[in-house]
Amino acid sequence: MTALYPLVRHADGRTFHDGAPLTLADAQIMLNDAIFDGRVEVGSFLHVGPDQLTIQPPDADPGA
């Protein structure tokens, strides 16, 4: 079964996506598009939480 995430937030709490549930792959594509468009900083990455995804900035610790 594939996990679905209806909420994707920035690390500072701002909402990036709140709507139809996304797979991790779909959320990554959305993040890549936002990086390409300059809406999100290059090097940002997704952190998988129990019920949401969080966009972490490039200088965040990926293991935290």
N, C-alpha and C. Protein backbone atom coordinates (compact mmCIF):
# COMPACT_ATOMS: atom_id res chain seq x y z
N MET A 1 0.83 -1.16 0.00
CA MET A 1 0.00 0.00 0.00
C MET A 1 0.89 1.25 0.00
N THR A 2 0.54 2.21 -0.82
CA THR A 2 1.30 3.45 -0.94
C THR A 2 0.77 4.49 0.05
N ALA A 3 1.70 5.10 0.78
CA ALA A 3 1.32 6.16 1.72
C ALA A 3 0.88 7.40 0.95
N LEU A 4 -0.15 8.06 1.47
CA LEU A 4 -0.65 9.29 0.87
C LEU A 4 -0.56 10.42 1.89
N TYR A 5 -0.22 11.59 1.40
CA TYR A 5 -0.02 12.75 2.26
C TYR A 5 -0.87 13.91 1.77
N PRO A 6 -1.90 14.28 2.53
CA PRO A 6 -2.75 15.41 2.12
C PRO A 6 -2.12 16.76 2.45
N LEU A 7 -1.07 16.77 3.29
CA LEU A 7 -0.49 18.02 3.75
C LEU A 7 1.02 18.02 3.53
N VAL A 8 1.51 19.09 2.90
CA VAL A 8 2.94 19.31 2.74
C VAL A 8 3.20 20.73 3.25
N ARG A 9 4.09 20.84 4.23
CA ARG A 9 4.41 22.14 4.81
C ARG A 9 5.89 22.47 4.65
N HIS A 10 6.17 23.76 4.67
CA HIS A 10 7.56 24.21 4.78
C HIS A 10 7.98 24.04 6.23
N ALA A 11 9.27 23.96 6.47
CA ALA A 11 9.78 23.78 7.83
C ALA A 11 9.35 24.92 8.75
N ASP A 12 9.13 26.11 8.20
CA ASP A 12 8.72 27.26 9.02
C ASP A 12 7.21 27.27 9.30
N GLY A 13 6.48 26.26 8.83
CA GLY A 13 5.06 26.13 9.11
C GLY A 13 4.12 26.55 8.00
N ARG A 14 4.64 27.28 7.01
CA ARG A 14 3.78 27.68 5.89
C ARG A 14 3.30 26.44 5.13
N THR A 15 2.10 26.51 4.61
CA THR A 15 1.54 25.40 3.84
C THR A 15 2.04 25.46 2.40
N PHE A 16 2.52 24.34 1.90
CA PHE A 16 2.93 24.21 0.51
C PHE A 16 1.80 23.56 -0.29
N HIS A 17 1.17 22.53 0.29
CA HIS A 17 0.06 21.83 -0.35
C HIS A 17 -0.89 21.35 0.72
N ASP A 18 -2.16 21.61 0.51
CA ASP A 18 -3.20 21.12 1.43
C ASP A 18 -4.41 20.81 0.56
N GLY A 19 -4.54 19.56 0.19
CA GLY A 19 -5.63 19.21 -0.71
C GLY A 19 -5.66 17.72 -0.96
N ALA A 20 -5.83 17.36 -2.22
CA ALA A 20 -5.90 15.95 -2.59
C ALA A 20 -4.63 15.24 -2.12
N PRO A 21 -4.77 14.08 -1.50
CA PRO A 21 -3.60 13.34 -1.02
C PRO A 21 -2.61 13.03 -2.14
N LEU A 22 -1.33 13.18 -1.82
CA LEU A 22 -0.25 12.95 -2.77
C LEU A 22 0.59 11.75 -2.34
N THR A 23 1.15 11.07 -3.31
CA THR A 23 2.18 10.09 -2.99
C THR A 23 3.48 10.85 -2.77
N LEU A 24 4.45 10.20 -2.19
CA LEU A 24 5.76 10.81 -2.01
C LEU A 24 6.34 11.21 -3.36
N ALA A 25 6.17 10.37 -4.36
CA ALA A 25 6.69 10.67 -5.70
C ALA A 25 6.03 11.93 -6.28
N ASP A 26 4.72 12.05 -6.12
CA ASP A 26 4.02 13.25 -6.62
C ASP A 26 4.48 14.50 -5.88
N ALA A 27 4.68 14.39 -4.58
CA ALA A 27 5.15 15.53 -3.79
C ALA A 27 6.56 15.94 -4.23
N GLN A 28 7.39 14.96 -4.54
CA GLN A 28 8.75 15.26 -5.01
C GLN A 28 8.71 15.99 -6.34
N ILE A 29 7.82 15.59 -7.22
CA ILE A 29 7.67 16.28 -8.51
C ILE A 29 7.22 17.72 -8.28
N MET A 30 6.25 17.91 -7.38
CA MET A 30 5.80 19.27 -7.06
C MET A 30 6.94 20.10 -6.49
N LEU A 31 7.75 19.51 -5.62
CA LEU A 31 8.89 20.22 -5.04
C LEU A 31 9.90 20.57 -6.14
N ASN A 32 10.18 19.62 -7.01
CA ASN A 32 11.12 19.89 -8.11
C ASN A 32 10.63 21.05 -8.96
N ASP A 33 9.34 21.07 -9.28
CA ASP A 33 8.77 22.17 -10.07
C ASP A 33 8.90 23.50 -9.33
N ALA A 34 8.67 23.50 -8.02
CA ALA A 34 8.77 24.73 -7.23
C ALA A 34 10.22 25.22 -7.16
N ILE A 35 11.16 24.30 -7.10
CA ILE A 35 12.58 24.68 -7.12
C ILE A 35 12.91 25.28 -8.48
N PHE A 36 12.45 24.65 -9.54
CA PHE A 36 12.70 25.14 -10.90
C PHE A 36 12.13 26.54 -11.10
N ASP A 37 10.93 26.79 -10.55
CA ASP A 37 10.27 28.09 -10.69
C ASP A 37 10.83 29.14 -9.74
N GLY A 38 11.70 28.75 -8.82
CA GLY A 38 12.30 29.69 -7.88
C GLY A 38 11.45 29.96 -6.64
N ARG A 39 10.38 29.17 -6.44
CA ARG A 39 9.51 29.36 -5.27
C ARG A 39 10.08 28.68 -4.04
N VAL A 40 10.98 27.73 -4.23
CA VAL A 40 11.62 27.00 -3.14
C VAL A 40 13.12 26.99 -3.41
N GLU A 41 13.90 27.09 -2.35
CA GLU A 41 15.36 27.17 -2.48
C GLU A 41 15.96 25.87 -3.03
N VAL A 42 16.93 26.03 -3.92
CA VAL A 42 17.65 24.89 -4.48
C VAL A 42 18.30 24.11 -3.34
N GLY A 43 18.18 22.81 -3.38
CA GLY A 43 18.75 21.94 -2.36
C GLY A 43 17.76 21.55 -1.26
N SER A 44 16.57 22.14 -1.28
CA SER A 44 15.54 21.77 -0.30
C SER A 44 15.13 20.31 -0.53
N PHE A 45 14.65 19.67 0.52
CA PHE A 45 14.29 18.26 0.41
C PHE A 45 13.07 17.96 1.27
N LEU A 46 12.44 16.83 1.01
CA LEU A 46 11.26 16.40 1.75
C LEU A 46 11.66 15.54 2.94
N HIS A 47 11.05 15.83 4.07
CA HIS A 47 11.19 15.00 5.27
C HIS A 47 9.85 14.30 5.46
N VAL A 48 9.88 12.99 5.60
CA VAL A 48 8.66 12.20 5.74
C VAL A 48 8.31 12.09 7.22
N GLY A 49 7.14 12.60 7.57
CA GLY A 49 6.61 12.49 8.93
C GLY A 49 5.47 11.50 8.95
N PRO A 50 4.89 11.26 10.12
CA PRO A 50 3.82 10.27 10.22
C PRO A 50 2.56 10.63 9.43
N ASP A 51 2.23 11.91 9.34
CA ASP A 51 0.99 12.28 8.65
C ASP A 51 1.16 13.45 7.69
N GLN A 52 2.40 13.91 7.52
CA GLN A 52 2.64 15.01 6.59
C GLN A 52 4.07 14.97 6.08
N LEU A 53 4.31 15.68 5.01
CA LEU A 53 5.65 15.86 4.49
C LEU A 53 6.06 17.29 4.81
N THR A 54 7.33 17.47 5.11
CA THR A 54 7.86 18.79 5.42
C THR A 54 9.00 19.10 4.46
N ILE A 55 8.96 20.29 3.87
CA ILE A 55 10.05 20.73 3.01
C ILE A 55 11.11 21.37 3.90
N GLN A 56 12.26 20.74 3.94
CA GLN A 56 13.37 21.22 4.74
C GLN A 56 14.31 22.06 3.87
N PRO A 57 14.91 23.09 4.45
CA PRO A 57 15.86 23.90 3.68
C PRO A 57 17.16 23.14 3.46
N PRO A 58 17.96 23.60 2.51
CA PRO A 58 19.20 22.85 2.17
C PRO A 58 20.16 22.66 3.34
N ASP A 59 20.18 23.59 4.30
CA ASP A 59 21.13 23.49 5.41
C ASP A 59 20.60 22.66 6.58
N ALA A 60 19.41 22.09 6.47
CA ALA A 60 18.84 21.27 7.55
C ALA A 60 19.55 19.92 7.60
N ASP A 61 19.55 19.32 8.77
CA ASP A 61 20.13 17.99 8.96
C ASP A 61 19.15 16.95 8.44
N PRO A 62 19.51 16.20 7.37
CA PRO A 62 18.59 15.22 6.81
C PRO A 62 18.25 14.08 7.77
N GLY A 63 19.06 13.86 8.79
CA GLY A 63 18.80 12.78 9.74
C GLY A 63 17.93 13.19 10.91
N ALA A 64 17.62 14.48 11.00
CA ALA A 64 16.84 14.96 12.15
C ALA A 64 15.36 14.76 11.97
